[in-house]
Amino acid sequence: HLLALVDDLVDLQAIERPDFRVDADPIDLADVARRAAGLLAVRASSR
C-alpha cells in the first residue's frame, strides 16, 4: 500500500509540471490491454 502511494505521489509530481509531455508513438491498444490483464491475472484469481 505504501509503495503504491509512493508511485502515485511521484507520478503526481510529474504530471502537474507545466512542461510535462507524453510520447505519441504507434501502439497496439488491444495488445496493451491483454498485457495489463495478464499483470492482474494473479490478483483476479485470488479474488
ModelCIF file with pLDDT and N, C-alpha, C, O atoms, coordinates in Angstrom:
data_MODEL
#
_entry.id   MODEL 
#
_entity.id                         1 
_entity.type                       polymer 
_entity.pdbx_number_of_molecules   1 
#
_entity_poly.entity_id                      1 
_entity_poly.type                           'polypeptide(L)' 
_entity_poly.nstd_linkage                   no 
_entity_poly.nstd_monomer                   no 
_entity_poly.pdbx_seq_one_letter_code       HLLALVDDLVDLQAIERPDFRVDADPIDLADVARRAAGLLAVRASSR 
_entity_poly.pdbx_seq_one_letter_code_can   HLLALVDDLVDLQAIERPDFRVDADPIDLADVARRAAGLLAVRASSR 
_entity_poly.pdbx_strand_id                 A 
#
loop_
_entity_poly_seq.entity_id 
_entity_poly_seq.num 
_entity_poly_seq.mon_id 
_entity_poly_seq.hetero 
1 1  HIS n 
1 2  LEU n 
1 3  LEU n 
1 4  ALA n 
1 5  LEU n 
1 6  VAL n 
1 7  ASP n 
1 8  ASP n 
1 9  LEU n 
1 10 VAL n 
1 11 ASP n 
1 12 LEU n 
1 13 GLN n 
1 14 ALA n 
1 15 ILE n 
1 16 GLU n 
1 17 ARG n 
1 18 PRO n 
1 19 ASP n 
1 20 PHE n 
1 21 ARG n 
1 22 VAL n 
1 23 ASP n 
1 24 ALA n 
1 25 ASP n 
1 26 PRO n 
1 27 ILE n 
1 28 ASP n 
1 29 LEU n 
1 30 ALA n 
1 31 ASP n 
1 32 VAL n 
1 33 ALA n 
1 34 ARG n 
1 35 ARG n 
1 36 ALA n 
1 37 ALA n 
1 38 GLY n 
1 39 LEU n 
1 40 LEU n 
1 41 ALA n 
1 42 VAL n 
1 43 ARG n 
1 44 ALA n 
1 45 SER n 
1 46 SER n 
1 47 ARG n 
#
_struct_asym.id          A 
_struct_asym.entity_id   1 
#
loop_
_ma_qa_metric.id 
_ma_qa_metric.mode 
_ma_qa_metric.name 
_ma_qa_metric.software_group_id 
_ma_qa_metric.type 
1 global pLDDT . pLDDT 
2 local  pLDDT . pLDDT 
#
_ma_qa_metric_global.metric_id      1 
_ma_qa_metric_global.metric_value   79.91 
_ma_qa_metric_global.model_id       1 
_ma_qa_metric_global.ordinal_id     1 
#
loop_
_ma_qa_metric_local.label_asym_id 
_ma_qa_metric_local.label_comp_id 
_ma_qa_metric_local.label_seq_id 
_ma_qa_metric_local.metric_id 
_ma_qa_metric_local.metric_value 
_ma_qa_metric_local.model_id 
_ma_qa_metric_local.ordinal_id 
A HIS 1  2 65.00 1 1  
A LEU 2  2 70.00 1 2  
A LEU 3  2 69.00 1 3  
A ALA 4  2 68.00 1 4  
A LEU 5  2 67.00 1 5  
A VAL 6  2 69.00 1 6  
A ASP 7  2 71.00 1 7  
A ASP 8  2 66.00 1 8  
A LEU 9  2 69.00 1 9  
A VAL 10 2 68.00 1 10 
A ASP 11 2 70.00 1 11 
A LEU 12 2 72.00 1 12 
A GLN 13 2 69.00 1 13 
A ALA 14 2 71.00 1 14 
A ILE 15 2 74.00 1 15 
A GLU 16 2 73.00 1 16 
A ARG 17 2 73.00 1 17 
A PRO 18 2 73.00 1 18 
A ASP 19 2 69.00 1 19 
A PHE 20 2 74.00 1 20 
A ARG 21 2 77.00 1 21 
A VAL 22 2 80.00 1 22 
A ASP 23 2 77.00 1 23 
A ALA 24 2 84.00 1 24 
A ASP 25 2 88.00 1 25 
A PRO 26 2 92.00 1 26 
A ILE 27 2 94.00 1 27 
A ASP 28 2 94.00 1 28 
A LEU 29 2 95.00 1 29 
A ALA 30 2 95.00 1 30 
A ASP 31 2 93.00 1 31 
A VAL 32 2 93.00 1 32 
A ALA 33 2 94.00 1 33 
A ARG 34 2 92.00 1 34 
A ARG 35 2 90.00 1 35 
A ALA 36 2 89.00 1 36 
A ALA 37 2 90.00 1 37 
A GLY 38 2 86.00 1 38 
A LEU 39 2 82.00 1 39 
A LEU 40 2 86.00 1 40 
A ALA 41 2 84.00 1 41 
A VAL 42 2 79.00 1 42 
A ARG 43 2 82.00 1 43 
A ALA 44 2 88.00 1 44 
A SER 45 2 86.00 1 45 
A SER 46 2 81.00 1 46 
A ARG 47 2 85.00 1 47 
#
loop_
_atom_site.group_PDB 
_atom_site.id 
_atom_site.type_symbol 
_atom_site.label_atom_id 
_atom_site.label_alt_id 
_atom_site.label_comp_id 
_atom_site.label_asym_id 
_atom_site.label_entity_id 
_atom_site.label_seq_id 
_atom_site.pdbx_PDB_ins_code 
_atom_site.Cartn_x 
_atom_site.Cartn_y 
_atom_site.Cartn_z 
_atom_site.occupancy 
_atom_site.B_iso_or_equiv 
_atom_site.pdbx_formal_charge 
_atom_site.auth_seq_id 
_atom_site.auth_comp_id 
_atom_site.auth_asym_id 
_atom_site.auth_atom_id 
_atom_site.pdbx_PDB_model_num 
ATOM 1   N N  . HIS A 1 1  ? 0.837   -1.203  0.000   1.00 65.00 ? 1  HIS A N  1 
ATOM 2   C CA . HIS A 1 1  ? 0.000   0.000   0.000   1.00 65.00 ? 1  HIS A CA 1 
ATOM 3   C C  . HIS A 1 1  ? 0.874   1.256   0.000   1.00 65.00 ? 1  HIS A C  1 
ATOM 4   O O  . HIS A 1 1  ? 0.610   2.198   -0.746  1.00 65.00 ? 1  HIS A O  1 
ATOM 5   N N  . LEU A 1 2  ? 1.913   1.267   0.837   1.00 70.00 ? 2  LEU A N  1 
ATOM 6   C CA . LEU A 1 2  ? 2.807   2.421   0.894   1.00 70.00 ? 2  LEU A CA 1 
ATOM 7   C C  . LEU A 1 2  ? 3.594   2.574   -0.411  1.00 70.00 ? 2  LEU A C  1 
ATOM 8   O O  . LEU A 1 2  ? 3.826   3.693   -0.869  1.00 70.00 ? 2  LEU A O  1 
ATOM 9   N N  . LEU A 1 3  ? 4.004   1.448   -1.011  1.00 69.00 ? 3  LEU A N  1 
ATOM 10  C CA . LEU A 1 3  ? 4.744   1.511   -2.267  1.00 69.00 ? 3  LEU A CA 1 
ATOM 11  C C  . LEU A 1 3  ? 3.863   2.087   -3.371  1.00 69.00 ? 3  LEU A C  1 
ATOM 12  O O  . LEU A 1 3  ? 4.331   2.877   -4.192  1.00 69.00 ? 3  LEU A O  1 
ATOM 13  N N  . ALA A 1 4  ? 2.603   1.698   -3.394  1.00 68.00 ? 4  ALA A N  1 
ATOM 14  C CA . ALA A 1 4  ? 1.673   2.250   -4.387  1.00 68.00 ? 4  ALA A CA 1 
ATOM 15  C C  . ALA A 1 4  ? 1.472   3.745   -4.158  1.00 68.00 ? 4  ALA A C  1 
ATOM 16  O O  . ALA A 1 4  ? 1.347   4.513   -5.112  1.00 68.00 ? 4  ALA A O  1 
ATOM 17  N N  . LEU A 1 5  ? 1.443   4.155   -2.887  1.00 67.00 ? 5  LEU A N  1 
ATOM 18  C CA . LEU A 1 5  ? 1.290   5.576   -2.575  1.00 67.00 ? 5  LEU A CA 1 
ATOM 19  C C  . LEU A 1 5  ? 2.513   6.367   -3.054  1.00 67.00 ? 5  LEU A C  1 
ATOM 20  O O  . LEU A 1 5  ? 2.374   7.471   -3.580  1.00 67.00 ? 5  LEU A O  1 
ATOM 21  N N  . VAL A 1 6  ? 3.713   5.798   -2.872  1.00 69.00 ? 6  VAL A N  1 
ATOM 22  C CA . VAL A 1 6  ? 4.927   6.454   -3.366  1.00 69.00 ? 6  VAL A CA 1 
ATOM 23  C C  . VAL A 1 6  ? 4.843   6.617   -4.882  1.00 69.00 ? 6  VAL A C  1 
ATOM 24  O O  . VAL A 1 6  ? 5.148   7.687   -5.408  1.00 69.00 ? 6  VAL A O  1 
ATOM 25  N N  . ASP A 1 7  ? 4.430   5.559   -5.586  1.00 71.00 ? 7  ASP A N  1 
ATOM 26  C CA . ASP A 1 7  ? 4.287   5.633   -7.046  1.00 71.00 ? 7  ASP A CA 1 
ATOM 27  C C  . ASP A 1 7  ? 3.338   6.765   -7.436  1.00 71.00 ? 7  ASP A C  1 
ATOM 28  O O  . ASP A 1 7  ? 3.627   7.546   -8.343  1.00 71.00 ? 7  ASP A O  1 
ATOM 29  N N  . ASP A 1 8  ? 2.186   6.846   -6.729  1.00 66.00 ? 8  ASP A N  1 
ATOM 30  C CA . ASP A 1 8  ? 1.201   7.864   -7.064  1.00 66.00 ? 8  ASP A CA 1 
ATOM 31  C C  . ASP A 1 8  ? 1.734   9.271   -6.809  1.00 66.00 ? 8  ASP A C  1 
ATOM 32  O O  . ASP A 1 8  ? 1.518   10.176  -7.616  1.00 66.00 ? 8  ASP A O  1 
ATOM 33  N N  . LEU A 1 9  ? 2.426   9.455   -5.693  1.00 69.00 ? 9  LEU A N  1 
ATOM 34  C CA . LEU A 1 9  ? 2.940   10.787  -5.372  1.00 69.00 ? 9  LEU A CA 1 
ATOM 35  C C  . LEU A 1 9  ? 4.013   11.227  -6.359  1.00 69.00 ? 9  LEU A C  1 
ATOM 36  O O  . LEU A 1 9  ? 4.059   12.393  -6.750  1.00 69.00 ? 9  LEU A O  1 
ATOM 37  N N  . VAL A 1 10 ? 4.875   10.298  -6.763  1.00 68.00 ? 10 VAL A N  1 
ATOM 38  C CA . VAL A 1 10 ? 5.904   10.636  -7.751  1.00 68.00 ? 10 VAL A CA 1 
ATOM 39  C C  . VAL A 1 10 ? 5.259   10.968  -9.096  1.00 68.00 ? 10 VAL A C  1 
ATOM 40  O O  . VAL A 1 10 ? 5.664   11.923  -9.759  1.00 68.00 ? 10 VAL A O  1 
ATOM 41  N N  . ASP A 1 11 ? 4.247   10.177  -9.503  1.00 70.00 ? 11 ASP A N  1 
ATOM 42  C CA . ASP A 1 11 ? 3.540   10.479  -10.748 1.00 70.00 ? 11 ASP A CA 1 
ATOM 43  C C  . ASP A 1 11 ? 2.837   11.827  -10.656 1.00 70.00 ? 11 ASP A C  1 
ATOM 44  O O  . ASP A 1 11 ? 2.818   12.593  -11.619 1.00 70.00 ? 11 ASP A O  1 
ATOM 45  N N  . LEU A 1 12 ? 2.259   12.113  -9.488  1.00 72.00 ? 12 LEU A N  1 
ATOM 46  C CA . LEU A 1 12 ? 1.573   13.388  -9.291  1.00 72.00 ? 12 LEU A CA 1 
ATOM 47  C C  . LEU A 1 12 ? 2.539   14.550  -9.496  1.00 72.00 ? 12 LEU A C  1 
ATOM 48  O O  . LEU A 1 12 ? 2.190   15.548  -10.127 1.00 72.00 ? 12 LEU A O  1 
ATOM 49  N N  . GLN A 1 13 ? 3.763   14.420  -8.956  1.00 69.00 ? 13 GLN A N  1 
ATOM 50  C CA . GLN A 1 13 ? 4.776   15.449  -9.154  1.00 69.00 ? 13 GLN A CA 1 
ATOM 51  C C  . GLN A 1 13 ? 5.036   15.671  -10.643 1.00 69.00 ? 13 GLN A C  1 
ATOM 52  O O  . GLN A 1 13 ? 5.184   16.804  -11.099 1.00 69.00 ? 13 GLN A O  1 
ATOM 53  N N  . ALA A 1 14 ? 5.087   14.566  -11.390 1.00 71.00 ? 14 ALA A N  1 
ATOM 54  C CA . ALA A 1 14 ? 5.435   14.663  -12.809 1.00 71.00 ? 14 ALA A CA 1 
ATOM 55  C C  . ALA A 1 14 ? 4.324   15.289  -13.631 1.00 71.00 ? 14 ALA A C  1 
ATOM 56  O O  . ALA A 1 14 ? 4.578   16.213  -14.404 1.00 71.00 ? 14 ALA A O  1 
ATOM 57  N N  . ILE A 1 15 ? 3.097   14.805  -13.480 1.00 74.00 ? 15 ILE A N  1 
ATOM 58  C CA . ILE A 1 15 ? 2.024   15.243  -14.384 1.00 74.00 ? 15 ILE A CA 1 
ATOM 59  C C  . ILE A 1 15 ? 1.587   16.674  -14.128 1.00 74.00 ? 15 ILE A C  1 
ATOM 60  O O  . ILE A 1 15 ? 0.979   17.289  -15.004 1.00 74.00 ? 15 ILE A O  1 
ATOM 61  N N  . GLU A 1 16 ? 1.878   17.222  -12.957 1.00 73.00 ? 16 GLU A N  1 
ATOM 62  C CA . GLU A 1 16 ? 1.462   18.595  -12.661 1.00 73.00 ? 16 GLU A CA 1 
ATOM 63  C C  . GLU A 1 16 ? 2.529   19.626  -13.009 1.00 73.00 ? 16 GLU A C  1 
ATOM 64  O O  . GLU A 1 16 ? 2.350   20.819  -12.763 1.00 73.00 ? 16 GLU A O  1 
ATOM 65  N N  . ARG A 1 17 ? 3.637   19.163  -13.582 1.00 73.00 ? 17 ARG A N  1 
ATOM 66  C CA . ARG A 1 17 ? 4.638   20.110  -14.083 1.00 73.00 ? 17 ARG A CA 1 
ATOM 67  C C  . ARG A 1 17 ? 4.140   20.774  -15.364 1.00 73.00 ? 17 ARG A C  1 
ATOM 68  O O  . ARG A 1 17 ? 3.527   20.107  -16.198 1.00 73.00 ? 17 ARG A O  1 
ATOM 69  N N  . PRO A 1 18 ? 4.387   22.065  -15.539 1.00 73.00 ? 18 PRO A N  1 
ATOM 70  C CA . PRO A 1 18 ? 3.915   22.741  -16.760 1.00 73.00 ? 18 PRO A CA 1 
ATOM 71  C C  . PRO A 1 18 ? 4.521   22.169  -18.033 1.00 73.00 ? 18 PRO A C  1 
ATOM 72  O O  . PRO A 1 18 ? 3.902   22.215  -19.096 1.00 73.00 ? 18 PRO A O  1 
ATOM 73  N N  . ASP A 1 19 ? 5.740   21.627  -17.925 1.00 69.00 ? 19 ASP A N  1 
ATOM 74  C CA . ASP A 1 19 ? 6.416   21.116  -19.121 1.00 69.00 ? 19 ASP A CA 1 
ATOM 75  C C  . ASP A 1 19 ? 6.222   19.617  -19.307 1.00 69.00 ? 19 ASP A C  1 
ATOM 76  O O  . ASP A 1 19 ? 6.950   18.999  -20.084 1.00 69.00 ? 19 ASP A O  1 
ATOM 77  N N  . PHE A 1 20 ? 5.253   19.015  -18.609 1.00 74.00 ? 20 PHE A N  1 
ATOM 78  C CA . PHE A 1 20 ? 5.041   17.577  -18.719 1.00 74.00 ? 20 PHE A CA 1 
ATOM 79  C C  . PHE A 1 20 ? 4.564   17.216  -20.120 1.00 74.00 ? 20 PHE A C  1 
ATOM 80  O O  . PHE A 1 20 ? 3.613   17.803  -20.635 1.00 74.00 ? 20 PHE A O  1 
ATOM 81  N N  . ARG A 1 21 ? 5.233   16.248  -20.725 1.00 77.00 ? 21 ARG A N  1 
ATOM 82  C CA . ARG A 1 21 ? 4.871   15.778  -22.058 1.00 77.00 ? 21 ARG A CA 1 
ATOM 83  C C  . ARG A 1 21 ? 4.851   14.255  -22.075 1.00 77.00 ? 21 ARG A C  1 
ATOM 84  O O  . ARG A 1 21 ? 5.575   13.604  -21.322 1.00 77.00 ? 21 ARG A O  1 
ATOM 85  N N  . VAL A 1 22 ? 4.020   13.702  -22.937 1.00 80.00 ? 22 VAL A N  1 
ATOM 86  C CA . VAL A 1 22 ? 3.916   12.252  -23.092 1.00 80.00 ? 22 VAL A CA 1 
ATOM 87  C C  . VAL A 1 22 ? 4.136   11.913  -24.553 1.00 80.00 ? 22 VAL A C  1 
ATOM 88  O O  . VAL A 1 22 ? 3.642   12.617  -25.434 1.00 80.00 ? 22 VAL A O  1 
ATOM 89  N N  . ASP A 1 23 ? 4.869   10.847  -24.820 1.00 77.00 ? 23 ASP A N  1 
ATOM 90  C CA . ASP A 1 23 ? 5.127   10.433  -26.193 1.00 77.00 ? 23 ASP A CA 1 
ATOM 91  C C  . ASP A 1 23 ? 3.835   10.010  -26.893 1.00 77.00 ? 23 ASP A C  1 
ATOM 92  O O  . ASP A 1 23 ? 2.881   9.572   -26.249 1.00 77.00 ? 23 ASP A O  1 
ATOM 93  N N  . ALA A 1 24 ? 3.820   10.145  -28.193 1.00 84.00 ? 24 ALA A N  1 
ATOM 94  C CA . ALA A 1 24 ? 2.680   9.695   -29.005 1.00 84.00 ? 24 ALA A CA 1 
ATOM 95  C C  . ALA A 1 24 ? 3.214   8.782   -30.098 1.00 84.00 ? 24 ALA A C  1 
ATOM 96  O O  . ALA A 1 24 ? 3.361   9.192   -31.249 1.00 84.00 ? 24 ALA A O  1 
ATOM 97  N N  . ASP A 1 25 ? 3.499   7.551   -29.727 1.00 88.00 ? 25 ASP A N  1 
ATOM 98  C CA . ASP A 1 25 ? 4.048   6.565   -30.653 1.00 88.00 ? 25 ASP A CA 1 
ATOM 99  C C  . ASP A 1 25 ? 2.952   5.615   -31.123 1.00 88.00 ? 25 ASP A C  1 
ATOM 100 O O  . ASP A 1 25 ? 1.936   5.468   -30.445 1.00 88.00 ? 25 ASP A O  1 
ATOM 101 N N  . PRO A 1 26 ? 3.140   4.969   -32.270 1.00 92.00 ? 26 PRO A N  1 
ATOM 102 C CA . PRO A 1 26 ? 2.176   3.947   -32.691 1.00 92.00 ? 26 PRO A CA 1 
ATOM 103 C C  . PRO A 1 26 ? 2.194   2.757   -31.717 1.00 92.00 ? 26 PRO A C  1 
ATOM 104 O O  . PRO A 1 26 ? 3.257   2.205   -31.434 1.00 92.00 ? 26 PRO A O  1 
ATOM 105 N N  . ILE A 1 27 ? 1.037   2.370   -31.214 1.00 94.00 ? 27 ILE A N  1 
ATOM 106 C CA . ILE A 1 27 ? 0.919   1.222   -30.318 1.00 94.00 ? 27 ILE A CA 1 
ATOM 107 C C  . ILE A 1 27 ? -0.289  0.384   -30.724 1.00 94.00 ? 27 ILE A C  1 
ATOM 108 O O  . ILE A 1 27 ? -1.152  0.842   -31.473 1.00 94.00 ? 27 ILE A O  1 
ATOM 109 N N  . ASP A 1 28 ? -0.340  -0.837  -30.226 1.00 94.00 ? 28 ASP A N  1 
ATOM 110 C CA . ASP A 1 28 ? -1.493  -1.711  -30.407 1.00 94.00 ? 28 ASP A CA 1 
ATOM 111 C C  . ASP A 1 28 ? -2.258  -1.707  -29.083 1.00 94.00 ? 28 ASP A C  1 
ATOM 112 O O  . ASP A 1 28 ? -1.855  -2.368  -28.126 1.00 94.00 ? 28 ASP A O  1 
ATOM 113 N N  . LEU A 1 29 ? -3.355  -0.965  -29.034 1.00 95.00 ? 29 LEU A N  1 
ATOM 114 C CA . LEU A 1 29 ? -4.089  -0.796  -27.778 1.00 95.00 ? 29 LEU A CA 1 
ATOM 115 C C  . LEU A 1 29 ? -4.682  -2.114  -27.288 1.00 95.00 ? 29 LEU A C  1 
ATOM 116 O O  . LEU A 1 29 ? -4.771  -2.340  -26.081 1.00 95.00 ? 29 LEU A O  1 
ATOM 117 N N  . ALA A 1 30 ? -5.088  -2.983  -28.210 1.00 95.00 ? 30 ALA A N  1 
ATOM 118 C CA . ALA A 1 30 ? -5.618  -4.292  -27.802 1.00 95.00 ? 30 ALA A CA 1 
ATOM 119 C C  . ALA A 1 30 ? -4.522  -5.126  -27.148 1.00 95.00 ? 30 ALA A C  1 
ATOM 120 O O  . ALA A 1 30 ? -4.775  -5.815  -26.160 1.00 95.00 ? 30 ALA A O  1 
ATOM 121 N N  . ASP A 1 31 ? -3.303  -5.069  -27.692 1.00 93.00 ? 31 ASP A N  1 
ATOM 122 C CA . ASP A 1 31 ? -2.177  -5.806  -27.109 1.00 93.00 ? 31 ASP A CA 1 
ATOM 123 C C  . ASP A 1 31 ? -1.836  -5.279  -25.725 1.00 93.00 ? 31 ASP A C  1 
ATOM 124 O O  . ASP A 1 31 ? -1.562  -6.063  -24.816 1.00 93.00 ? 31 ASP A O  1 
ATOM 125 N N  . VAL A 1 32 ? -1.847  -3.950  -25.549 1.00 93.00 ? 32 VAL A N  1 
ATOM 126 C CA . VAL A 1 32 ? -1.556  -3.377  -24.232 1.00 93.00 ? 32 VAL A CA 1 
ATOM 127 C C  . VAL A 1 32 ? -2.627  -3.807  -23.225 1.00 93.00 ? 32 VAL A C  1 
ATOM 128 O O  . VAL A 1 32 ? -2.320  -4.083  -22.066 1.00 93.00 ? 32 VAL A O  1 
ATOM 129 N N  . ALA A 1 33 ? -3.877  -3.862  -23.673 1.00 94.00 ? 33 ALA A N  1 
ATOM 130 C CA . ALA A 1 33 ? -4.957  -4.310  -22.783 1.00 94.00 ? 33 ALA A CA 1 
ATOM 131 C C  . ALA A 1 33 ? -4.745  -5.760  -22.351 1.00 94.00 ? 33 ALA A C  1 
ATOM 132 O O  . ALA A 1 33 ? -4.974  -6.104  -21.192 1.00 94.00 ? 33 ALA A O  1 
ATOM 133 N N  . ARG A 1 34 ? -4.307  -6.612  -23.287 1.00 92.00 ? 34 ARG A N  1 
ATOM 134 C CA . ARG A 1 34 ? -4.029  -8.006  -22.924 1.00 92.00 ? 34 ARG A CA 1 
ATOM 135 C C  . ARG A 1 34 ? -2.878  -8.082  -21.912 1.00 92.00 ? 34 ARG A C  1 
ATOM 136 O O  . ARG A 1 34 ? -2.933  -8.865  -20.964 1.00 92.00 ? 34 ARG A O  1 
ATOM 137 N N  . ARG A 1 35 ? -1.845  -7.271  -22.117 1.00 90.00 ? 35 ARG A N  1 
ATOM 138 C CA . ARG A 1 35 ? -0.719  -7.271  -21.183 1.00 90.00 ? 35 ARG A CA 1 
ATOM 139 C C  . ARG A 1 35 ? -1.157  -6.819  -19.793 1.00 90.00 ? 35 ARG A C  1 
ATOM 140 O O  . ARG A 1 35 ? -0.760  -7.411  -18.790 1.00 90.00 ? 35 ARG A O  1 
ATOM 141 N N  . ALA A 1 36 ? -1.975  -5.772  -19.735 1.00 89.00 ? 36 ALA A N  1 
ATOM 142 C CA . ALA A 1 36 ? -2.461  -5.283  -18.439 1.00 89.00 ? 36 ALA A CA 1 
ATOM 143 C C  . ALA A 1 36 ? -3.283  -6.356  -17.734 1.00 89.00 ? 36 ALA A C  1 
ATOM 144 O O  . ALA A 1 36 ? -3.148  -6.556  -16.527 1.00 89.00 ? 36 ALA A O  1 
ATOM 145 N N  . ALA A 1 37 ? -4.139  -7.050  -18.494 1.00 90.00 ? 37 ALA A N  1 
ATOM 146 C CA . ALA A 1 37 ? -4.935  -8.131  -17.907 1.00 90.00 ? 37 ALA A CA 1 
ATOM 147 C C  . ALA A 1 37 ? -4.035  -9.245  -17.385 1.00 90.00 ? 37 ALA A C  1 
ATOM 148 O O  . ALA A 1 37 ? -4.304  -9.826  -16.334 1.00 90.00 ? 37 ALA A O  1 
ATOM 149 N N  . GLY A 1 38 ? -2.956  -9.543  -18.128 1.00 86.00 ? 38 GLY A N  1 
ATOM 150 C CA . GLY A 1 38 ? -2.028  -10.581 -17.684 1.00 86.00 ? 38 GLY A CA 1 
ATOM 151 C C  . GLY A 1 38 ? -1.339  -10.211 -16.378 1.00 86.00 ? 38 GLY A C  1 
ATOM 152 O O  . GLY A 1 38 ? -1.132  -11.070 -15.521 1.00 86.00 ? 38 GLY A O  1 
ATOM 153 N N  . LEU A 1 39 ? -0.983  -8.936  -16.219 1.00 82.00 ? 39 LEU A N  1 
ATOM 154 C CA . LEU A 1 39 ? -0.334  -8.496  -14.983 1.00 82.00 ? 39 LEU A CA 1 
ATOM 155 C C  . LEU A 1 39 ? -1.258  -8.626  -13.777 1.00 82.00 ? 39 LEU A C  1 
ATOM 156 O O  . LEU A 1 39 ? -0.796  -8.762  -12.644 1.00 82.00 ? 39 LEU A O  1 
ATOM 157 N N  . LEU A 1 40 ? -2.567  -8.582  -14.027 1.00 86.00 ? 40 LEU A N  1 
ATOM 158 C CA . LEU A 1 40 ? -3.533  -8.637  -12.923 1.00 86.00 ? 40 LEU A CA 1 
ATOM 159 C C  . LEU A 1 40 ? -4.173  -10.007 -12.771 1.00 86.00 ? 40 LEU A C  1 
ATOM 160 O O  . LEU A 1 40 ? -5.094  -10.173 -11.970 1.00 86.00 ? 40 LEU A O  1 
ATOM 161 N N  . ALA A 1 41 ? -3.700  -10.990 -13.525 1.00 84.00 ? 41 ALA A N  1 
ATOM 162 C CA . ALA A 1 41 ? -4.327  -12.310 -13.515 1.00 84.00 ? 41 ALA A CA 1 
ATOM 163 C C  . ALA A 1 41 ? -4.253  -12.964 -12.131 1.00 84.00 ? 41 ALA A C  1 
ATOM 164 O O  . ALA A 1 41 ? -5.227  -13.561 -11.672 1.00 84.00 ? 41 ALA A O  1 
ATOM 165 N N  . VAL A 1 42 ? -3.095  -12.849 -11.467 1.00 79.00 ? 42 VAL A N  1 
ATOM 166 C CA . VAL A 1 42 ? -2.948  -13.478 -10.150 1.00 79.00 ? 42 VAL A CA 1 
ATOM 167 C C  . VAL A 1 42 ? -3.873  -12.822 -9.138  1.00 79.00 ? 42 VAL A C  1 
ATOM 168 O O  . VAL A 1 42 ? -4.528  -13.507 -8.352  1.00 79.00 ? 42 VAL A O  1 
ATOM 169 N N  . ARG A 1 43 ? -3.927  -11.481 -9.157  1.00 82.00 ? 43 ARG A N  1 
ATOM 170 C CA . ARG A 1 43 ? -4.808  -10.779 -8.224  1.00 82.00 ? 43 ARG A CA 1 
ATOM 171 C C  . ARG A 1 43 ? -6.258  -11.163 -8.457  1.00 82.00 ? 43 ARG A C  1 
ATOM 172 O O  . ARG A 1 43 ? -7.007  -11.391 -7.506  1.00 82.00 ? 43 ARG A O  1 
ATOM 173 N N  . ALA A 1 44 ? -6.658  -11.237 -9.737  1.00 88.00 ? 44 ALA A N  1 
ATOM 174 C CA . ALA A 1 44 ? -8.038  -11.607 -10.040 1.00 88.00 ? 44 ALA A CA 1 
ATOM 175 C C  . ALA A 1 44 ? -8.341  -13.031 -9.580  1.00 88.00 ? 44 ALA A C  1 
ATOM 176 O O  . ALA A 1 44 ? -9.405  -13.296 -9.022  1.00 88.00 ? 44 ALA A O  1 
ATOM 177 N N  . SER A 1 45 ? -7.399  -13.947 -9.818  1.00 86.00 ? 45 SER A N  1 
ATOM 178 C CA . SER A 1 45 ? -7.608  -15.331 -9.413  1.00 86.00 ? 45 SER A CA 1 
ATOM 179 C C  . SER A 1 45 ? -7.765  -15.456 -7.903  1.00 86.00 ? 45 SER A C  1 
ATOM 180 O O  . SER A 1 45 ? -8.585  -16.237 -7.419  1.00 86.00 ? 45 SER A O  1 
ATOM 181 N N  . SER A 1 46 ? -6.972  -14.677 -7.157  1.00 81.00 ? 46 SER A N  1 
ATOM 182 C CA . SER A 1 46 ? -7.058  -14.743 -5.691  1.00 81.00 ? 46 SER A CA 1 
ATOM 183 C C  . SER A 1 46 ? -8.406  -14.250 -5.179  1.00 81.00 ? 46 SER A C  1 
ATOM 184 O O  . SER A 1 46 ? -8.824  -14.612 -4.079  1.00 81.00 ? 46 SER A O  1 
ATOM 185 N N  . ARG A 1 47 ? -9.082  -13.430 -5.969  1.00 85.00 ? 47 ARG A N  1 
ATOM 186 C CA . ARG A 1 47 ? -10.411 -12.919 -5.593  1.00 85.00 ? 47 ARG A CA 1 
ATOM 187 C C  . ARG A 1 47 ? -11.525 -13.671 -6.318  1.00 85.00 ? 47 ARG A C  1 
ATOM 188 O O  . ARG A 1 47 ? -12.702 -13.372 -6.120  1.00 85.00 ? 47 ARG A O  1 
#
